[in-house]
């Protein structure tokens, strides 16, 4: 009984994780972000996602935020920012 409960819990946990990854892949700005950073190396946090814009943070394994993306939906403008020294990695529209 314990093994089946553990297996079910693990399955649901993994399904939930892959669902988050799948959602990130569905964002219009995902491909452009992935051109500039290896998104698989970072934990993604959705700070804002409303009708007008979406703000994402990408944190390292220690939880420190390394990158920020700001996507304006109406104009398809994306700004990808390295939060330390590099500054803006991309600032333009998606095409």
PDB file of N, CA and C in Angstrom:
ATOM      1  N   UNK A   1       0.818  -1.189   0.000  1.00  0.00           N
ATOM      2  CA  UNK A   1       0.000   0.000   0.000  1.00  0.00           C
ATOM      3  C   UNK A   1       0.865   1.257   0.000  1.00  0.00           C
ATOM      4  N   UNK A   2       1.929   1.270   0.821  1.00  0.00           N
ATOM      5  CA  UNK A   2       2.789   2.443   0.897  1.00  0.00           C
ATOM      6  C   UNK A   2       3.503   2.697  -0.428  1.00  0.00           C
ATOM      7  N   UNK A   3       3.925   1.614  -1.095  1.00  0.00           N
ATOM      8  CA  UNK A   3       4.622   1.764  -2.372  1.00  0.00           C
ATOM      9  C   UNK A   3       3.705   2.384  -3.427  1.00  0.00           C
ATOM     10  N   UNK A   4       2.460   1.967  -3.470  1.00  0.00           N
ATOM     11  CA  UNK A   4       1.544   2.513  -4.473  1.00  0.00           C
ATOM     12  C   UNK A   4       1.223   3.966  -4.179  1.00  0.00           C
ATOM     13  N   UNK A   5       1.117   4.341  -2.898  1.00  0.00           N
ATOM     14  CA  UNK A   5       0.875   5.736  -2.532  1.00  0.00           C
ATOM     15  C   UNK A   5       2.070   6.594  -2.910  1.00  0.00           C
ATOM     16  N   UNK A   6       3.279   6.097  -2.636  1.00  0.00           N
ATOM     17  CA  UNK A   6       4.491   6.819  -2.995  1.00  0.00           C
ATOM     18  C   UNK A   6       4.599   6.971  -4.513  1.00  0.00           C
ATOM     19  N   UNK A   7       4.306   5.929  -5.239  1.00  0.00           N
ATOM     20  CA  UNK A   7       4.368   5.983  -6.699  1.00  0.00           C
ATOM     21  C   UNK A   7       3.364   6.987  -7.255  1.00  0.00           C
ATOM     22  N   UNK A   8       2.165   6.997  -6.715  1.00  0.00           N
ATOM     23  CA  UNK A   8       1.144   7.940  -7.164  1.00  0.00           C
ATOM     24  C   UNK A   8       1.563   9.375  -6.861  1.00  0.00           C
ATOM     25  N   UNK A   9       2.089   9.606  -5.668  1.00  0.00           N
ATOM     26  CA  UNK A   9       2.544  10.942  -5.280  1.00  0.00           C
ATOM     27  C   UNK A   9       3.656  11.404  -6.204  1.00  0.00           C
ATOM     28  N   UNK A  10       4.626  10.539  -6.467  1.00  0.00           N
ATOM     29  CA  UNK A  10       5.740  10.884  -7.353  1.00  0.00           C
ATOM     30  C   UNK A  10       5.247  11.169  -8.764  1.00  0.00           C
ATOM     31  N   UNK A  11       4.313  10.365  -9.254  1.00  0.00           N
ATOM     32  CA  UNK A  11       3.759  10.579 -10.589  1.00  0.00           C
ATOM     33  C   UNK A  11       3.059  11.929 -10.695  1.00  0.00           C
ATOM     34  N   UNK A  12       2.255  12.252  -9.684  1.00  0.00           N
ATOM     35  CA  UNK A  12       1.554  13.536  -9.694  1.00  0.00           C
ATOM     36  C   UNK A  12       2.527  14.698  -9.605  1.00  0.00           C
ATOM     37  N   UNK A  13       3.579  14.552  -8.792  1.00  0.00           N
ATOM     38  CA  UNK A  13       4.590  15.598  -8.675  1.00  0.00           C
ATOM     39  C   UNK A  13       5.295  15.821 -10.012  1.00  0.00           C
ATOM     40  N   UNK A  14       5.726  14.743 -10.647  1.00  0.00           N
ATOM     41  CA  UNK A  14       6.421  14.865 -11.928  1.00  0.00           C
ATOM     42  C   UNK A  14       5.498  15.400 -13.009  1.00  0.00           C
ATOM     43  N   UNK A  15       4.250  15.021 -12.999  1.00  0.00           N
ATOM     44  CA  UNK A  15       3.290  15.545 -13.975  1.00  0.00           C
ATOM     45  C   UNK A  15       3.120  17.043 -13.777  1.00  0.00           C
ATOM     46  N   UNK A  16       3.087  17.472 -12.530  1.00  0.00           N
ATOM     47  CA  UNK A  16       2.980  18.902 -12.243  1.00  0.00           C
ATOM     48  C   UNK A  16       4.193  19.658 -12.717  1.00  0.00           C
ATOM     49  N   UNK A  17       5.382  19.105 -12.533  1.00  0.00           N
ATOM     50  CA  UNK A  17       6.607  19.775 -12.982  1.00  0.00           C
ATOM     51  C   UNK A  17       6.640  19.889 -14.490  1.00  0.00           C
ATOM     52  N   UNK A  18       6.310  18.805 -15.181  1.00  0.00           N
ATOM     53  CA  UNK A  18       6.349  18.877 -16.636  1.00  0.00           C
ATOM     54  C   UNK A  18       5.277  19.812 -17.169  1.00  0.00           C
ATOM     55  N   UNK A  19       4.185  19.973 -16.456  1.00  0.00           N
ATOM     56  CA  UNK A  19       3.144  20.910 -16.862  1.00  0.00           C
ATOM     57  C   UNK A  19       3.655  22.337 -16.834  1.00  0.00           C
ATOM     58  N   UNK A  20       4.440  22.689 -15.823  1.00  0.00           N
ATOM     59  CA  UNK A  20       5.018  24.031 -15.742  1.00  0.00           C
ATOM     60  C   UNK A  20       5.970  24.263 -16.905  1.00  0.00           C
ATOM     61  N   UNK A  21       6.831  23.280 -17.186  1.00  0.00           N
ATOM     62  CA  UNK A  21       7.756  23.415 -18.301  1.00  0.00           C
ATOM     63  C   UNK A  21       6.992  23.576 -19.604  1.00  0.00           C
ATOM     64  N   UNK A  22       5.930  22.799 -19.756  1.00  0.00           N
ATOM     65  CA  UNK A  22       5.146  22.865 -20.977  1.00  0.00           C
ATOM     66  C   UNK A  22       4.521  24.255 -21.132  1.00  0.00           C
ATOM     67  N   UNK A  23       4.039  24.823 -20.051  1.00  0.00           N
ATOM     68  CA  UNK A  23       3.442  26.147 -20.114  1.00  0.00           C
ATOM     69  C   UNK A  23       4.478  27.186 -20.528  1.00  0.00           C
ATOM     70  N   UNK A  24       5.675  27.093 -19.997  1.00  0.00           N
ATOM     71  CA  UNK A  24       6.732  28.030 -20.355  1.00  0.00           C
ATOM     72  C   UNK A  24       7.035  27.952 -21.853  1.00  0.00           C
ATOM     73  N   UNK A  25       7.036  26.759 -22.407  1.00  0.00           N
ATOM     74  CA  UNK A  25       7.274  26.585 -23.839  1.00  0.00           C
ATOM     75  C   UNK A  25       6.165  27.202 -24.685  1.00  0.00           C
ATOM     76  N   UNK A  26       4.982  27.360 -24.112  1.00  0.00           N
ATOM     77  CA  UNK A  26       3.865  27.934 -24.854  1.00  0.00           C
ATOM     78  C   UNK A  26       3.898  29.460 -24.936  1.00  0.00           C
ATOM     79  N   UNK A  27       4.690  30.100 -24.109  1.00  0.00           N
ATOM     80  CA  UNK A  27       4.759  31.560 -24.132  1.00  0.00           C
ATOM     81  C   UNK A  27       5.372  32.041 -25.445  1.00  0.00           C
ATOM     82  N   UNK A  28       4.808  33.114 -25.988  1.00  0.00           N
ATOM     83  CA  UNK A  28       5.266  33.655 -27.276  1.00  0.00           C
ATOM     84  C   UNK A  28       6.748  34.026 -27.235  1.00  0.00           C
ATOM     85  N   UNK A  29       7.225  34.498 -26.113  1.00  0.00           N
ATOM     86  CA  UNK A  29       8.589  34.992 -25.990  1.00  0.00           C
ATOM     87  C   UNK A  29       9.610  33.900 -25.671  1.00  0.00           C
ATOM     88  N   UNK A  30       9.155  32.686 -25.448  1.00  0.00           N
ATOM     89  CA  UNK A  30      10.045  31.613 -24.998  1.00  0.00           C
ATOM     90  C   UNK A  30      11.222  31.375 -25.947  1.00  0.00           C
ATOM     91  N   UNK A  31      10.962  31.247 -27.232  1.00  0.00           N
ATOM     92  CA  UNK A  31      12.040  30.932 -28.174  1.00  0.00           C
ATOM     93  C   UNK A  31      13.125  32.006 -28.174  1.00  0.00           C
ATOM     94  N   UNK A  32      12.718  33.260 -28.107  1.00  0.00           N
ATOM     95  CA  UNK A  32      13.693  34.347 -28.113  1.00  0.00           C
ATOM     96  C   UNK A  32      14.526  34.332 -26.820  1.00  0.00           C
ATOM     97  N   UNK A  33      13.890  34.064 -25.698  1.00  0.00           N
ATOM     98  CA  UNK A  33      14.618  33.963 -24.431  1.00  0.00           C
ATOM     99  C   UNK A  33      15.612  32.813 -24.499  1.00  0.00           C
ATOM    100  N   UNK A  34      15.159  31.666 -25.016  1.00  0.00           N
ATOM    101  CA  UNK A  34      16.010  30.478 -25.107  1.00  0.00           C
ATOM    102  C   UNK A  34      17.193  30.680 -26.053  1.00  0.00           C
ATOM    103  N   UNK A  35      17.114  31.634 -26.964  1.00  0.00           N
ATOM    104  CA  UNK A  35      18.258  31.955 -27.828  1.00  0.00           C
ATOM    105  C   UNK A  35      19.392  32.601 -27.028  1.00  0.00           C
ATOM    106  N   UNK A  36      19.039  33.259 -25.936  1.00  0.00           N
ATOM    107  CA  UNK A  36      20.019  34.032 -25.169  1.00  0.00           C
ATOM    108  C   UNK A  36      20.469  33.363 -23.876  1.00  0.00           C
ATOM    109  N   UNK A  37      19.611  32.543 -23.272  1.00  0.00           N
ATOM    110  CA  UNK A  37      19.998  31.852 -22.040  1.00  0.00           C
ATOM    111  C   UNK A  37      19.537  30.402 -22.104  1.00  0.00           C
ATOM    112  N   UNK A  38      20.214  29.545 -21.360  1.00  0.00           N
ATOM    113  CA  UNK A  38      19.815  28.142 -21.264  1.00  0.00           C
ATOM    114  C   UNK A  38      18.768  28.042 -20.161  1.00  0.00           C
ATOM    115  N   UNK A  39      17.512  28.125 -20.535  1.00  0.00           N
ATOM    116  CA  UNK A  39      16.427  28.175 -19.557  1.00  0.00           C
ATOM    117  C   UNK A  39      16.360  26.913 -18.689  1.00  0.00           C
ATOM    118  N   UNK A  40      16.915  25.810 -19.167  1.00  0.00           N
ATOM    119  CA  UNK A  40      16.882  24.574 -18.378  1.00  0.00           C
ATOM    120  C   UNK A  40      17.762  24.665 -17.136  1.00  0.00           C
ATOM    121  N   UNK A  41      18.664  25.616 -17.098  1.00  0.00           N
ATOM    122  CA  UNK A  41      19.551  25.784 -15.942  1.00  0.00           C
ATOM    123  C   UNK A  41      18.924  26.618 -14.832  1.00  0.00           C
ATOM    124  N   UNK A  42      17.762  27.180 -15.064  1.00  0.00           N
ATOM    125  CA  UNK A  42      17.170  28.123 -14.115  1.00  0.00           C
ATOM    126  C   UNK A  42      15.756  27.723 -13.734  1.00  0.00           C
ATOM    127  N   UNK A  43      15.388  28.085 -12.529  1.00  0.00           N
ATOM    128  CA  UNK A  43      14.018  27.938 -12.057  1.00  0.00           C
ATOM    129  C   UNK A  43      13.264  29.183 -12.499  1.00  0.00           C
ATOM    130  N   UNK A  44      12.132  29.006 -13.144  1.00  0.00           N
ATOM    131  CA  UNK A  44      11.383  30.142 -13.666  1.00  0.00           C
ATOM    132  C   UNK A  44      10.264  30.527 -12.707  1.00  0.00           C
ATOM    133  N   UNK A  45      10.160  31.812 -12.440  1.00  0.00           N
ATOM    134  CA  UNK A  45       9.094  32.343 -11.597  1.00  0.00           C
ATOM    135  C   UNK A  45       8.302  33.352 -12.416  1.00  0.00           C
ATOM    136  N   UNK A  46       7.004  33.145 -12.513  1.00  0.00           N
ATOM    137  CA  UNK A  46       6.133  34.091 -13.195  1.00  0.00           C
ATOM    138  C   UNK A  46       5.697  35.121 -12.160  1.00  0.00           C
ATOM    139  N   UNK A  47       6.205  36.339 -12.298  1.00  0.00           N
ATOM    140  CA  UNK A  47       5.821  37.384 -11.355  1.00  0.00           C
ATOM    141  C   UNK A  47       4.502  38.021 -11.743  1.00  0.00           C
ATOM    142  N   UNK A  48       4.333  38.285 -13.046  1.00  0.00           N
ATOM    143  CA  UNK A  48       3.122  38.920 -13.552  1.00  0.00           C
ATOM    144  C   UNK A  48       2.736  38.253 -14.864  1.00  0.00           C
ATOM    145  N   UNK A  49       1.460  37.983 -15.029  1.00  0.00           N
ATOM    146  CA  UNK A  49       0.952  37.510 -16.312  1.00  0.00           C
ATOM    147  C   UNK A  49      -0.492  37.981 -16.408  1.00  0.00           C
ATOM    148  N   UNK A  50      -0.687  39.107 -17.081  1.00  0.00           N
ATOM    149  CA  UNK A  50      -2.031  39.653 -17.236  1.00  0.00           C
ATOM    150  C   UNK A  50      -2.276  39.963 -18.704  1.00  0.00           C
ATOM    151  N   UNK A  51      -3.352  40.668 -19.012  1.00  0.00           N
ATOM    152  CA  UNK A  51      -3.687  40.962 -20.411  1.00  0.00           C
ATOM    153  C   UNK A  51      -2.628  41.801 -21.113  1.00  0.00           C
ATOM    154  N   UNK A  52      -1.911  42.637 -20.369  1.00  0.00           N
ATOM    155  CA  UNK A  52      -0.967  43.554 -20.992  1.00  0.00           C
ATOM    156  C   UNK A  52       0.472  43.094 -21.029  1.00  0.00           C
ATOM    157  N   UNK A  53       0.916  42.365 -20.003  1.00  0.00           N
ATOM    158  CA  UNK A  53       2.335  42.012 -19.944  1.00  0.00           C
ATOM    159  C   UNK A  53       2.566  40.745 -19.136  1.00  0.00           C
ATOM    160  N   UNK A  54       3.805  40.225 -19.296  1.00  0.00           N
ATOM    161  CA  UNK A  54       4.234  39.064 -18.523  1.00  0.00           C
ATOM    162  C   UNK A  54       5.672  39.336 -18.069  1.00  0.00           C
ATOM    163  N   UNK A  55       5.920  39.151 -16.788  1.00  0.00           N
ATOM    164  CA  UNK A  55       7.252  39.331 -16.225  1.00  0.00           C
ATOM    165  C   UNK A  55       7.701  37.996 -15.645  1.00  0.00           C
ATOM    166  N   UNK A  56       8.853  37.533 -16.108  1.00  0.00           N
ATOM    167  CA  UNK A  56       9.424  36.270 -15.639  1.00  0.00           C
ATOM    168  C   UNK A  56      10.776  36.538 -14.997  1.00  0.00           C
ATOM    169  N   UNK A  57      11.092  35.777 -13.951  1.00  0.00           N
ATOM    170  CA  UNK A  57      12.422  35.780 -13.364  1.00  0.00           C
ATOM    171  C   UNK A  57      13.012  34.396 -13.528  1.00  0.00           C
ATOM    172  N   UNK A  58      14.314  34.336 -13.758  1.00  0.00           N
ATOM    173  CA  UNK A  58      15.043  33.086 -13.872  1.00  0.00           C
ATOM    174  C   UNK A  58      16.085  33.068 -12.762  1.00  0.00           C
ATOM    175  N   UNK A  59      15.945  32.093 -11.845  1.00  0.00           N
ATOM    176  CA  UNK A  59      16.817  32.018 -10.672  1.00  0.00           C
ATOM    177  C   UNK A  59      17.746  30.808 -10.770  1.00  0.00           C
ATOM    178  N   UNK A  60      18.940  30.959 -10.194  1.00  0.00           N
ATOM    179  CA  UNK A  60      19.885  29.846 -10.180  1.00  0.00           C
ATOM    180  C   UNK A  60      19.496  28.842  -9.099  1.00  0.00           C
ATOM    181  N   UNK A  61      20.298  27.787  -8.960  1.00  0.00           N
ATOM    182  CA  UNK A  61      19.947  26.717  -8.016  1.00  0.00           C
ATOM    183  C   UNK A  61      19.943  27.181  -6.559  1.00  0.00           C
ATOM    184  N   UNK A  62      20.627  28.279  -6.261  1.00  0.00           N
ATOM    185  CA  UNK A  62      20.627  28.836  -4.905  1.00  0.00           C
ATOM    186  C   UNK A  62      19.412  29.734  -4.663  1.00  0.00           C
ATOM    187  N   UNK A  63      18.633  29.991  -5.726  1.00  0.00           N
ATOM    188  CA  UNK A  63      17.447  30.825  -5.603  1.00  0.00           C
ATOM    189  C   UNK A  63      17.686  32.289  -5.929  1.00  0.00           C
ATOM    190  N   UNK A  64      18.917  32.639  -6.304  1.00  0.00           N
ATOM    191  CA  UNK A  64      19.233  34.023  -6.661  1.00  0.00           C
ATOM    192  C   UNK A  64      18.721  34.328  -8.064  1.00  0.00           C
ATOM    193  N   UNK A  65      17.988  35.423  -8.212  1.00  0.00           N
ATOM    194  CA  UNK A  65      17.470  35.821  -9.514  1.00  0.00           C
ATOM    195  C   UNK A  65      18.619  36.325 -10.381  1.00  0.00           C
ATOM    196  N   UNK A  66      18.735  35.741 -11.585  1.00  0.00           N
ATOM    197  CA  UNK A  66      19.831  36.056 -12.493  1.00  0.00           C
ATOM    198  C   UNK A  66      19.337  36.848 -13.699  1.00  0.00           C
ATOM    199  N   UNK A  67      18.174  36.479 -14.232  1.00  0.00           N
ATOM    200  CA  UNK A  67      17.618  37.126 -15.409  1.00  0.00           C
ATOM    201  C   UNK A  67      16.171  37.545 -15.141  1.00  0.00           C
ATOM    202  N   UNK A  68      15.749  38.568 -15.879  1.00  0.00           N
ATOM    203  CA  UNK A  68      14.363  39.031 -15.831  1.00  0.00           C
ATOM    204  C   UNK A  68      13.923  39.271 -17.268  1.00  0.00           C
ATOM    205  N   UNK A  69      12.728  38.831 -17.605  1.00  0.00           N
ATOM    206  CA  UNK A  69      12.175  39.157 -18.916  1.00  0.00           C
ATOM    207  C   UNK A  69      10.871  39.914 -18.719  1.00  0.00           C
ATOM    208  N   UNK A  70      10.671  40.908 -19.573  1.00  0.00           N
ATOM    209  CA  UNK A  70       9.443  41.690 -19.573  1.00  0.00           C
ATOM    210  C   UNK A  70       8.896  41.631 -20.990  1.00  0.00           C
ATOM    211  N   UNK A  71       7.700  41.084 -21.127  1.00  0.00           N
ATOM    212  CA  UNK A  71       7.076  40.941 -22.438  1.00  0.00           C
ATOM    213  C   UNK A  71       5.787  41.747 -22.455  1.00  0.00           C
ATOM    214  N   UNK A  72       5.692  42.701 -23.383  1.00  0.00           N
ATOM    215  CA  UNK A  72       4.487  43.508 -23.566  1.00  0.00           C
ATOM    216  C   UNK A  72       3.698  42.858 -24.700  1.00  0.00           C
ATOM    217  N   UNK A  73       2.539  42.351 -24.381  1.00  0.00           N
ATOM    218  CA  UNK A  73       1.787  41.515 -25.311  1.00  0.00           C
ATOM    219  C   UNK A  73       1.254  42.269 -26.523  1.00  0.00           C
ATOM    220  N   UNK A  74       0.722  43.460 -26.338  1.00  0.00           N
ATOM    221  CA  UNK A  74       0.128  44.198 -27.455  1.00  0.00           C
ATOM    222  C   UNK A  74       1.140  44.539 -28.542  1.00  0.00           C
ATOM    223  N   UNK A  75       2.334  44.911 -28.145  1.00  0.00           N
ATOM    224  CA  UNK A  75       3.355  45.324 -29.113  1.00  0.00           C
ATOM    225  C   UNK A  75       4.371  44.222 -29.401  1.00  0.00           C
ATOM    226  N   UNK A  76       4.259  43.096 -28.708  1.00  0.00           N
ATOM    227  CA  UNK A  76       5.181  41.961 -28.813  1.00  0.00           C
ATOM    228  C   UNK A  76       6.622  42.380 -28.521  1.00  0.00           C
ATOM    229  N   UNK A  77       6.782  43.327 -27.618  1.00  0.00           N
ATOM    230  CA  UNK A  77       8.104  43.799 -27.233  1.00  0.00           C
ATOM    231  C   UNK A  77       8.621  42.974 -26.065  1.00  0.00           C
ATOM    232  N   UNK A  78       9.871  42.537 -26.188  1.00  0.00           N
ATOM    233  CA  UNK A  78      10.519  41.738 -25.151  1.00  0.00           C
ATOM    234  C   UNK A  78      11.803  42.411 -24.730  1.00  0.00           C
ATOM    235  N   UNK A  79      12.014  42.483 -23.428  1.00  0.00           N
ATOM    236  CA  UNK A  79      13.298  42.911 -22.892  1.00  0.00           C
ATOM    237  C   UNK A  79      13.780  41.802 -21.970  1.00  0.00           C
ATOM    238  N   UNK A  80      14.982  41.316 -22.240  1.00  0.00           N
ATOM    239  CA  UNK A  80      15.610  40.289 -21.425  1.00  0.00           C
ATOM    240  C   UNK A  80      16.824  40.917 -20.759  1.00  0.00           C
ATOM    241  N   UNK A  81      16.845  40.880 -19.447  1.00  0.00           N
ATOM    242  CA  UNK A  81      17.849  41.607 -18.683  1.00  0.00           C
ATOM    243  C   UNK A  81      18.639  40.654 -17.806  1.00  0.00           C
ATOM    244  N   UNK A  82      19.970  40.754 -17.856  1.00  0.00           N
ATOM    245  CA  UNK A  82      20.840  40.070 -16.901  1.00  0.00           C
ATOM    246  C   UNK A  82      20.918  40.987 -15.694  1.00  0.00           C
ATOM    247  N   UNK A  83      20.561  40.495 -14.526  1.00  0.00           N
ATOM    248  CA  UNK A  83      20.407  41.351 -13.364  1.00  0.00           C
ATOM    249  C   UNK A  83      21.724  41.768 -12.708  1.00  0.00           C
ATOM    250  N   UNK A  84      22.836  41.198 -13.132  1.00  0.00           N
ATOM    251  CA  UNK A  84      24.124  41.613 -12.578  1.00  0.00           C
ATOM    252  C   UNK A  84      24.755  42.672 -13.461  1.00  0.00           C
ATOM    253  N   UNK A  85      25.847  42.358 -14.059  1.00  0.00           N
ATOM    254  CA  UNK A  85      26.646  43.355 -14.771  1.00  0.00           C
ATOM    255  C   UNK A  85      26.299  43.530 -16.244  1.00  0.00           C
ATOM    256  N   UNK A  86      25.766  42.525 -16.884  1.00  0.00           N
ATOM    257  CA  UNK A  86      25.598  42.563 -18.333  1.00  0.00           C
ATOM    258  C   UNK A  86      24.471  43.466 -18.810  1.00  0.00           C
ATOM    259  N   UNK A  87      23.450  43.675 -18.005  1.00  0.00           N
ATOM    260  CA  UNK A  87      22.332  44.518 -18.413  1.00  0.00           C
ATOM    261  C   UNK A  87      21.460  43.843 -19.449  1.00  0.00           C
ATOM    262  N   UNK A  88      20.946  44.623 -20.396  1.00  0.00           N
ATOM    263  CA  UNK A  88      20.006  44.115 -21.396  1.00  0.00           C
ATOM    264  C   UNK A  88      20.700  43.179 -22.378  1.00  0.00           C
ATOM    265  N   UNK A  89      20.149  41.972 -22.537  1.00  0.00           N
ATOM    266  CA  UNK A  89      20.642  41.010 -23.528  1.00  0.00           C
ATOM    267  C   UNK A  89      19.854  41.120 -24.808  1.00  0.00           C
ATOM    268  N   UNK A  90      18.587  41.508 -24.676  1.00  0.00           N
ATOM    269  CA  UNK A  90      17.720  41.675 -25.843  1.00  0.00           C
ATOM    270  C   UNK A  90      16.692  42.739 -25.493  1.00  0.00           C
ATOM    271  N   UNK A  91      16.427  43.612 -26.432  1.00  0.00           N
ATOM    272  CA  UNK A  91      15.380  44.612 -26.276  1.00  0.00           C
ATOM    273  C   UNK A  91      14.832  44.906 -27.666  1.00  0.00           C
ATOM    274  N   UNK A  92      13.726  44.275 -27.993  1.00  0.00           N
ATOM    275  CA  UNK A  92      13.153  44.433 -29.314  1.00  0.00           C
ATOM    276  C   UNK A  92      11.825  43.714 -29.421  1.00  0.00           C
ATOM    277  N   UNK A  93      11.320  43.638 -30.641  1.00  0.00           N
ATOM    278  CA  UNK A  93      10.042  42.987 -30.863  1.00  0.00           C
ATOM    279  C   UNK A  93      10.266  41.571 -31.392  1.00  0.00           C
ATOM    280  N   UNK A  94       9.275  40.727 -31.187  1.00  0.00           N
ATOM    281  CA  UNK A  94       9.323  39.367 -31.729  1.00  0.00           C
ATOM    282  C   UNK A  94       8.842  39.417 -33.160  1.00  0.00           C
ATOM    283  N   UNK A  95       9.460  38.681 -34.003  1.00  0.00           N
ATOM    284  CA  UNK A  95       9.056  38.651 -35.418  1.00  0.00           C
ATOM    285  C   UNK A  95       8.828  37.265 -35.894  1.00  0.00           C
TER     286      UNK A  95
END
